[in-house]
Structure formats: C-alpha cells, structure tokens
C-alpha cells in the first residue's frame, strides 16, 4: 500500500475514534475518571493534554500524507 494511502487511512481511523469519543462524552459527561498512582494524580488537566496531543497527531498524519513520497 502506498505511504500516502496508509497515512490517510490511519488519520481517518483516528478521526472516527475521536468522533465516537466526543459523542460518548457528550451523552455521558460523568465517564471521566481521575487516576491516582502513588502521589501522582492524573486528572482533568492531564486528560485535556492527552486529547490535544491526540488531535495534533491526527492532523499531523493527515498533513504528512500530502508530503509523503513513495519509494520506487
């Protein structure tokens, strides 16, 4: 499979997962949890950071698909 096609398929799957997540979060906002690992607390701020990183990676893969060159 071509590199462009692969990157676009990966970004499409990531977009579908993001849409399902948003629909789930809007229908049940109480699904979020705070995780405690010793003294470390992984709460709302950390989850928001993870969501931003996910969105950046998703858009980055899609944009990269336009600049990818296939090997011959």
C-alpha atoms as a PDB file:
ATOM      1  CA  UNK A   1       0.000   0.000   0.000  1.00  0.00           C
ATOM      2  CA  UNK A   2       1.262   3.473  -0.767  1.00  0.00           C
ATOM      3  CA  UNK A   3       2.574   5.671   2.050  1.00  0.00           C
ATOM      4  CA  UNK A   4       0.037   8.424   1.319  1.00  0.00           C
ATOM      5  CA  UNK A   5      -2.844   5.985   1.431  1.00  0.00           C
ATOM      6  CA  UNK A   6      -1.586   4.404   4.653  1.00  0.00           C
ATOM      7  CA  UNK A   7      -1.209   7.761   6.413  1.00  0.00           C
ATOM      8  CA  UNK A   8      -4.649   8.892   5.282  1.00  0.00           C
ATOM      9  CA  UNK A   9      -6.266   5.645   6.444  1.00  0.00           C
ATOM     10  CA  UNK A  10      -4.602   5.925   9.850  1.00  0.00           C
ATOM     11  CA  UNK A  11      -5.750   9.532  10.232  1.00  0.00           C
ATOM     12  CA  UNK A  12      -9.279   8.555   9.101  1.00  0.00           C
ATOM     13  CA  UNK A  13      -9.455   5.801  11.737  1.00  0.00           C
ATOM     14  CA  UNK A  14      -8.180   8.259  14.360  1.00  0.00           C
ATOM     15  CA  UNK A  15     -10.868  10.767  13.284  1.00  0.00           C
ATOM     16  CA  UNK A  16     -13.607   8.139  13.578  1.00  0.00           C
ATOM     17  CA  UNK A  17     -12.383   7.194  17.068  1.00  0.00           C
ATOM     18  CA  UNK A  18     -12.352  10.885  18.040  1.00  0.00           C
ATOM     19  CA  UNK A  19     -15.917  11.379  16.777  1.00  0.00           C
ATOM     20  CA  UNK A  20     -17.155   8.332  18.700  1.00  0.00           C
ATOM     21  CA  UNK A  21     -15.374   9.593  21.808  1.00  0.00           C
ATOM     22  CA  UNK A  22     -16.945  13.060  21.537  1.00  0.00           C
ATOM     23  CA  UNK A  23     -20.412  11.573  21.052  1.00  0.00           C
ATOM     24  CA  UNK A  24     -19.891   9.308  24.067  1.00  0.00           C
ATOM     25  CA  UNK A  25     -18.540  12.158  26.202  1.00  0.00           C
ATOM     26  CA  UNK A  26     -21.458  14.426  25.319  1.00  0.00           C
ATOM     27  CA  UNK A  27     -24.025  11.757  26.123  1.00  0.00           C
ATOM     28  CA  UNK A  28     -22.425  10.799  29.466  1.00  0.00           C
ATOM     29  CA  UNK A  29     -20.104  13.505  30.828  1.00  0.00           C
ATOM     30  CA  UNK A  30     -19.531  11.530  34.035  1.00  0.00           C
ATOM     31  CA  UNK A  31     -17.336   8.963  32.239  1.00  0.00           C
ATOM     32  CA  UNK A  32     -14.086  10.785  33.045  1.00  0.00           C
ATOM     33  CA  UNK A  33     -12.049   9.468  35.939  1.00  0.00           C
ATOM     34  CA  UNK A  34      -9.119  10.651  37.999  1.00  0.00           C
ATOM     35  CA  UNK A  35      -6.326   8.128  38.277  1.00  0.00           C
ATOM     36  CA  UNK A  36      -4.092   8.037  41.336  1.00  0.00           C
ATOM     37  CA  UNK A  37      -0.632   6.477  41.066  1.00  0.00           C
ATOM     38  CA  UNK A  38       1.017   6.992  44.418  1.00  0.00           C
ATOM     39  CA  UNK A  39       1.178  10.762  44.875  1.00  0.00           C
ATOM     40  CA  UNK A  40       0.698  11.405  41.166  1.00  0.00           C
ATOM     41  CA  UNK A  41      -2.815  12.479  40.193  1.00  0.00           C
ATOM     42  CA  UNK A  42      -3.875  12.135  36.547  1.00  0.00           C
ATOM     43  CA  UNK A  43      -6.946  14.364  36.410  1.00  0.00           C
ATOM     44  CA  UNK A  44      -8.867  16.615  34.053  1.00  0.00           C
ATOM     45  CA  UNK A  45      -5.908  18.822  33.071  1.00  0.00           C
ATOM     46  CA  UNK A  46      -3.817  15.808  32.102  1.00  0.00           C
ATOM     47  CA  UNK A  47      -6.684  14.274  30.131  1.00  0.00           C
ATOM     48  CA  UNK A  48      -7.127  17.540  28.216  1.00  0.00           C
ATOM     49  CA  UNK A  49      -3.413  17.474  27.376  1.00  0.00           C
ATOM     50  CA  UNK A  50      -3.770  13.902  26.057  1.00  0.00           C
ATOM     51  CA  UNK A  51      -6.755  14.945  23.907  1.00  0.00           C
ATOM     52  CA  UNK A  52      -4.756  17.841  22.445  1.00  0.00           C
ATOM     53  CA  UNK A  53      -1.808  15.580  21.658  1.00  0.00           C
ATOM     54  CA  UNK A  54      -4.170  13.069  20.007  1.00  0.00           C
ATOM     55  CA  UNK A  55      -5.702  15.797  17.833  1.00  0.00           C
ATOM     56  CA  UNK A  56      -2.271  17.151  16.866  1.00  0.00           C
ATOM     57  CA  UNK A  57      -1.036  13.661  15.905  1.00  0.00           C
ATOM     58  CA  UNK A  58      -4.212  13.000  13.905  1.00  0.00           C
ATOM     59  CA  UNK A  59      -3.927  16.255  11.945  1.00  0.00           C
ATOM     60  CA  UNK A  60      -0.161  15.789  11.586  1.00  0.00           C
ATOM     61  CA  UNK A  61      -0.562  12.356   9.994  1.00  0.00           C
ATOM     62  CA  UNK A  62      -3.162  13.703   7.593  1.00  0.00           C
ATOM     63  CA  UNK A  63      -0.975  16.658   6.588  1.00  0.00           C
ATOM     64  CA  UNK A  64       2.083  14.400   6.296  1.00  0.00           C
ATOM     65  CA  UNK A  65       0.206  12.237   3.804  1.00  0.00           C
ATOM     66  CA  UNK A  66       0.306  15.127   1.310  1.00  0.00           C
ATOM     67  CA  UNK A  67       4.088  15.397   1.562  1.00  0.00           C
ATOM     68  CA  UNK A  68       4.953  11.672   1.691  1.00  0.00           C
ATOM     69  CA  UNK A  69       6.807  10.236  -1.250  1.00  0.00           C
ATOM     70  CA  UNK A  70       6.638   6.579  -2.143  1.00  0.00           C
ATOM     71  CA  UNK A  71       9.838   4.610  -2.665  1.00  0.00           C
ATOM     72  CA  UNK A  72      10.381   3.173  -6.125  1.00  0.00           C
END
